[in-house]
Amino acid sequence: LGQPTTRDTGAAHSVGALIVLLVFLAVGAPLVEERFFRGLLLRSLARTVAPAVAIVVSGLLFELAHFEAVQFAGLAVVGVVFGCLAWFTGRLGPSIGAHVAFNAAAVVTAVHIH
């Protein structure tokens, strides 16, 4: 799942740029995405369909929002895992934490490769 992150980190040629990128990708994106996909979308869907269906649909839409056809299955599974964390705990904190860790690992790995 590192190809998009490698693409994103390729333009950062200084430590400062990498730090800004890490903040945006590993903190900002998870906060915004989890509030939308698990906070708003998942909870709204769960009012009209079974929670399992809502979790899967929100996970699929999470993947589609990233526009990564080659990595469809991987990102969809990650979206479902984040959905399960949010649904079964009743809180966004665990899914946000997992998302931050996931994105941070991808950024650190991509930077280390460079």
Protein backbone atom coordinates (compact mmCIF):
# COMPACT_ATOMS: atom_id res chain seq x y z
CA LEU A 1 0.00 0.00 0.00
CA GLY A 2 3.03 2.26 -0.14
CA GLN A 3 2.89 3.34 -3.79
CA PRO A 4 0.71 6.46 -3.24
CA THR A 5 2.78 7.42 -0.21
CA THR A 6 6.01 6.98 -2.14
CA ARG A 7 4.55 9.23 -4.83
CA ASP A 8 3.51 11.81 -2.22
CA THR A 9 6.83 11.82 -0.37
CA GLY A 10 8.92 11.99 -3.55
CA ALA A 11 8.48 15.77 -3.84
CA ALA A 12 9.61 16.43 -0.26
CA HIS A 13 13.33 17.09 -0.42
CA SER A 14 14.00 18.58 3.00
CA VAL A 15 13.46 17.52 6.58
CA GLY A 16 10.98 20.37 7.07
CA ALA A 17 8.96 19.32 4.03
CA LEU A 18 8.91 15.73 5.25
CA ILE A 19 7.70 16.82 8.69
CA VAL A 20 4.88 18.88 7.14
CA LEU A 21 3.98 15.94 4.91
CA LEU A 22 3.98 13.57 7.89
CA VAL A 23 1.66 15.91 9.82
CA PHE A 24 -0.77 16.17 6.90
CA LEU A 25 -0.73 12.50 5.88
CA ALA A 26 -0.37 10.85 9.27
CA VAL A 27 -2.46 13.18 11.42
CA GLY A 28 -4.61 15.49 9.30
CA ALA A 29 -5.92 12.93 6.81
CA PRO A 30 -6.90 10.36 9.48
CA LEU A 31 -8.74 12.99 11.53
CA VAL A 32 -10.76 14.22 8.57
CA GLU A 33 -11.33 10.80 6.99
CA GLU A 34 -12.35 9.05 10.21
CA ARG A 35 -14.80 11.80 11.14
CA PHE A 36 -16.39 11.50 7.71
CA PHE A 37 -16.25 7.76 6.93
CA ARG A 38 -16.78 6.35 10.43
CA GLY A 39 -18.33 9.29 12.27
CA LEU A 40 -20.85 10.47 9.68
CA LEU A 41 -21.18 7.87 6.93
CA LEU A 42 -20.99 4.65 8.97
CA ARG A 43 -23.37 5.89 11.64
CA SER A 44 -25.82 7.24 9.06
CA LEU A 45 -25.79 3.98 7.09
CA ALA A 46 -26.27 1.94 10.28
CA ARG A 47 -29.60 3.70 10.83
CA THR A 48 -30.99 2.12 7.65
CA VAL A 49 -29.05 -1.12 7.16
CA ALA A 50 -27.45 -3.75 9.39
CA PRO A 51 -24.22 -2.59 11.08
CA ALA A 52 -22.17 -5.20 9.17
CA VAL A 53 -23.47 -3.85 5.86
CA ALA A 54 -22.78 -0.28 6.97
CA ILE A 55 -19.20 -1.21 7.93
CA VAL A 56 -18.52 -2.92 4.59
CA VAL A 57 -20.12 -0.13 2.53
CA SER A 58 -18.20 2.57 4.40
CA GLY A 59 -14.98 0.55 3.90
CA LEU A 60 -15.61 0.26 0.16
CA LEU A 61 -16.40 3.96 -0.13
CA PHE A 62 -13.24 4.71 1.85
CA GLU A 63 -11.23 2.85 -0.79
CA LEU A 64 -13.05 4.50 -3.67
CA ALA A 65 -12.27 7.94 -2.22
CA HIS A 66 -8.56 7.10 -2.45
CA PHE A 67 -8.76 6.27 -6.19
CA GLU A 68 -6.28 3.38 -5.98
CA ALA A 69 -7.62 0.63 -8.26
CA VAL A 70 -4.53 -1.57 -7.89
CA GLN A 71 -4.84 -1.52 -4.11
CA PHE A 72 -8.63 -1.82 -3.95
CA ALA A 73 -8.78 -4.94 -1.77
CA GLY A 74 -6.13 -3.77 0.69
CA LEU A 75 -7.62 -0.35 1.28
CA ALA A 76 -11.14 -1.76 1.46
CA VAL A 77 -10.02 -4.21 4.16
CA VAL A 78 -8.29 -1.42 6.07
CA GLY A 79 -11.49 0.64 5.81
CA VAL A 80 -13.51 -2.28 7.18
CA VAL A 81 -11.05 -2.74 10.06
CA PHE A 82 -11.29 0.96 10.91
CA GLY A 83 -15.09 0.65 10.70
CA CYS A 84 -15.07 -2.31 13.09
CA LEU A 85 -12.91 -0.39 15.56
CA ALA A 86 -15.28 2.57 15.49
CA TRP A 87 -18.48 0.50 15.61
CA PHE A 88 -17.56 -1.98 18.31
CA THR A 89 -15.99 0.59 20.63
CA GLY A 90 -18.63 3.25 19.96
CA ARG A 91 -15.85 5.80 19.63
CA LEU A 92 -13.74 7.29 16.84
CA GLY A 93 -10.54 7.34 18.90
CA PRO A 94 -9.48 3.76 18.16
CA SER A 95 -10.07 4.07 14.41
CA ILE A 96 -8.30 7.44 14.33
CA GLY A 97 -5.34 5.94 16.23
CA ALA A 98 -5.15 2.96 13.89
CA HIS A 99 -5.41 5.23 10.85
CA VAL A 100 -2.66 7.52 12.19
CA ALA A 101 -0.40 4.50 12.80
CA PHE A 102 -1.17 3.06 9.35
CA ASN A 103 -0.44 6.32 7.52
CA ALA A 104 2.63 7.11 9.65
CA ALA A 105 4.08 3.67 8.93
CA ALA A 106 3.51 4.19 5.21
CA VAL A 107 5.18 7.63 5.25
CA VAL A 108 8.14 6.50 7.35
CA THR A 109 8.62 3.44 5.13
CA ALA A 110 8.45 5.53 1.96
CA VAL A 111 10.92 8.08 3.34
CA HIS A 112 13.28 5.33 4.45
CA ILE A 113 13.22 3.88 0.92
CA HIS A 114 14.32 7.21 -0.53
